[in-house]
């Protein structure tokens, strides 16, 4: 598949997602994709900033949604560690 075909397919997927989830910020989404593409080419510093920001958002989500559940602090940290390790291990599987 050519780069142009991939770009068209990516735009179609993004349009479908935006129709389903109107809160998606297209500009931010495309910037994040660019950062991930640059990471795959070796730009680790910029990606780490994005990664750290995403981990903070994930941590807030995990802590907020497990507040009254049977999770202790160690369980929450285990959830975060597993999430982060899977994200790093499978970054190559993201479809640009």
C-alpha atoms as a PDB file:
ATOM      1  CA  UNK A   1       0.000   0.000   0.000  1.00  0.00           C
ATOM      2  CA  UNK A   2       1.399   3.406  -0.952  1.00  0.00           C
ATOM      3  CA  UNK A   3       1.849   6.257   1.518  1.00  0.00           C
ATOM      4  CA  UNK A   4      -0.952   8.188  -0.196  1.00  0.00           C
ATOM      5  CA  UNK A   5      -3.331   5.250   0.176  1.00  0.00           C
ATOM      6  CA  UNK A   6      -2.374   4.909   3.847  1.00  0.00           C
ATOM      7  CA  UNK A   7      -2.955   8.635   4.397  1.00  0.00           C
ATOM      8  CA  UNK A   8      -6.398   8.424   2.789  1.00  0.00           C
ATOM      9  CA  UNK A   9      -7.293   5.378   4.873  1.00  0.00           C
ATOM     10  CA  UNK A  10      -6.055   7.114   8.047  1.00  0.00           C
ATOM     11  CA  UNK A  11      -8.140  10.209   7.272  1.00  0.00           C
ATOM     12  CA  UNK A  12     -11.232   8.035   6.727  1.00  0.00           C
ATOM     13  CA  UNK A  13     -10.687   6.254  10.078  1.00  0.00           C
ATOM     14  CA  UNK A  14     -10.195   9.586  11.845  1.00  0.00           C
ATOM     15  CA  UNK A  15     -13.361  10.999  10.240  1.00  0.00           C
ATOM     16  CA  UNK A  16     -15.315   7.945  11.440  1.00  0.00           C
ATOM     17  CA  UNK A  17     -13.934   8.309  14.962  1.00  0.00           C
ATOM     18  CA  UNK A  18     -14.666  12.038  15.034  1.00  0.00           C
ATOM     19  CA  UNK A  19     -18.258  11.399  13.946  1.00  0.00           C
ATOM     20  CA  UNK A  20     -18.630   8.886  16.771  1.00  0.00           C
ATOM     21  CA  UNK A  21     -16.644  10.909  19.358  1.00  0.00           C
ATOM     22  CA  UNK A  22     -17.024  14.640  18.612  1.00  0.00           C
ATOM     23  CA  UNK A  23     -14.708  15.603  21.480  1.00  0.00           C
ATOM     24  CA  UNK A  24     -11.652  14.384  19.527  1.00  0.00           C
ATOM     25  CA  UNK A  25      -9.318  17.268  18.777  1.00  0.00           C
ATOM     26  CA  UNK A  26      -8.214  16.655  15.179  1.00  0.00           C
ATOM     27  CA  UNK A  27      -5.173  18.954  15.431  1.00  0.00           C
ATOM     28  CA  UNK A  28      -3.951  17.280  18.643  1.00  0.00           C
ATOM     29  CA  UNK A  29      -4.607  13.819  17.227  1.00  0.00           C
ATOM     30  CA  UNK A  30      -2.609  14.520  14.076  1.00  0.00           C
ATOM     31  CA  UNK A  31       0.215  16.039  16.123  1.00  0.00           C
ATOM     32  CA  UNK A  32       0.323  12.917  18.313  1.00  0.00           C
ATOM     33  CA  UNK A  33       0.483  10.739  15.193  1.00  0.00           C
ATOM     34  CA  UNK A  34       3.371  12.827  13.865  1.00  0.00           C
ATOM     35  CA  UNK A  35       5.219  12.442  17.175  1.00  0.00           C
ATOM     36  CA  UNK A  36       4.707   8.655  17.081  1.00  0.00           C
ATOM     37  CA  UNK A  37       5.955   8.489  13.488  1.00  0.00           C
ATOM     38  CA  UNK A  38       9.034  10.506  14.499  1.00  0.00           C
ATOM     39  CA  UNK A  39       9.582   8.136  17.427  1.00  0.00           C
ATOM     40  CA  UNK A  40       9.621   5.202  15.043  1.00  0.00           C
ATOM     41  CA  UNK A  41      12.338   7.098  13.138  1.00  0.00           C
ATOM     42  CA  UNK A  42      14.412   7.625  16.285  1.00  0.00           C
ATOM     43  CA  UNK A  43      13.108  10.844  17.945  1.00  0.00           C
ATOM     44  CA  UNK A  44      12.755   9.542  21.485  1.00  0.00           C
ATOM     45  CA  UNK A  45      12.767  12.850  23.433  1.00  0.00           C
ATOM     46  CA  UNK A  46       9.590  14.279  21.883  1.00  0.00           C
ATOM     47  CA  UNK A  47       7.831  10.935  22.217  1.00  0.00           C
ATOM     48  CA  UNK A  48       8.751  10.703  25.918  1.00  0.00           C
ATOM     49  CA  UNK A  49       6.972  14.023  26.585  1.00  0.00           C
ATOM     50  CA  UNK A  50       3.838  12.675  24.888  1.00  0.00           C
ATOM     51  CA  UNK A  51       4.187   9.364  26.715  1.00  0.00           C
ATOM     52  CA  UNK A  52       4.568  11.023  30.134  1.00  0.00           C
ATOM     53  CA  UNK A  53       1.539  13.249  29.481  1.00  0.00           C
ATOM     54  CA  UNK A  54      -0.518  10.209  28.430  1.00  0.00           C
ATOM     55  CA  UNK A  55       0.576   8.246  31.504  1.00  0.00           C
ATOM     56  CA  UNK A  56      -0.567  11.104  33.758  1.00  0.00           C
ATOM     57  CA  UNK A  57      -3.985  11.047  32.089  1.00  0.00           C
ATOM     58  CA  UNK A  58      -4.181   7.255  32.402  1.00  0.00           C
ATOM     59  CA  UNK A  59      -3.153   7.411  36.070  1.00  0.00           C
ATOM     60  CA  UNK A  60      -5.903   9.969  36.814  1.00  0.00           C
ATOM     61  CA  UNK A  61      -8.422   7.740  35.050  1.00  0.00           C
ATOM     62  CA  UNK A  62      -7.356   4.597  36.933  1.00  0.00           C
ATOM     63  CA  UNK A  63      -7.315   6.322  40.316  1.00  0.00           C
ATOM     64  CA  UNK A  64     -10.620   8.136  39.767  1.00  0.00           C
ATOM     65  CA  UNK A  65     -12.477   5.055  38.534  1.00  0.00           C
ATOM     66  CA  UNK A  66     -11.153   2.690  41.168  1.00  0.00           C
ATOM     67  CA  UNK A  67     -11.713   4.981  44.133  1.00  0.00           C
ATOM     68  CA  UNK A  68     -14.471   2.985  45.795  1.00  0.00           C
ATOM     69  CA  UNK A  69     -13.486  -0.405  44.477  1.00  0.00           C
ATOM     70  CA  UNK A  70     -11.542  -3.173  46.157  1.00  0.00           C
ATOM     71  CA  UNK A  71      -8.214  -1.912  44.817  1.00  0.00           C
ATOM     72  CA  UNK A  72      -5.423  -0.869  47.120  1.00  0.00           C
ATOM     73  CA  UNK A  73      -2.584   1.449  46.113  1.00  0.00           C
ATOM     74  CA  UNK A  74      -0.379  -1.439  44.990  1.00  0.00           C
ATOM     75  CA  UNK A  75      -3.153  -2.798  42.745  1.00  0.00           C
ATOM     76  CA  UNK A  76      -3.484   0.617  41.109  1.00  0.00           C
ATOM     77  CA  UNK A  77       0.259   0.856  40.570  1.00  0.00           C
ATOM     78  CA  UNK A  78       0.259  -2.654  39.088  1.00  0.00           C
ATOM     79  CA  UNK A  79      -2.472  -1.610  36.640  1.00  0.00           C
ATOM     80  CA  UNK A  80      -0.406   1.411  35.614  1.00  0.00           C
ATOM     81  CA  UNK A  81       2.810  -0.593  35.216  1.00  0.00           C
ATOM     82  CA  UNK A  82       1.070  -3.201  33.058  1.00  0.00           C
ATOM     83  CA  UNK A  83      -0.618  -0.555  30.906  1.00  0.00           C
ATOM     84  CA  UNK A  84       2.636   1.325  30.360  1.00  0.00           C
ATOM     85  CA  UNK A  85       4.649  -1.792  29.549  1.00  0.00           C
ATOM     86  CA  UNK A  86       2.094  -3.040  27.006  1.00  0.00           C
ATOM     87  CA  UNK A  87       1.989   0.402  25.361  1.00  0.00           C
ATOM     88  CA  UNK A  88       5.768   0.437  24.984  1.00  0.00           C
ATOM     89  CA  UNK A  89       6.013  -3.167  23.774  1.00  0.00           C
ATOM     90  CA  UNK A  90       3.296  -2.730  21.148  1.00  0.00           C
ATOM     91  CA  UNK A  91       4.046   0.772  19.849  1.00  0.00           C
ATOM     92  CA  UNK A  92       5.156  -0.778  16.554  1.00  0.00           C
ATOM     93  CA  UNK A  93       1.642  -2.174  16.058  1.00  0.00           C
ATOM     94  CA  UNK A  94      -0.078   1.227  15.903  1.00  0.00           C
ATOM     95  CA  UNK A  95      -1.522   1.937  12.479  1.00  0.00           C
ATOM     96  CA  UNK A  96      -0.419   5.333  11.227  1.00  0.00           C
END
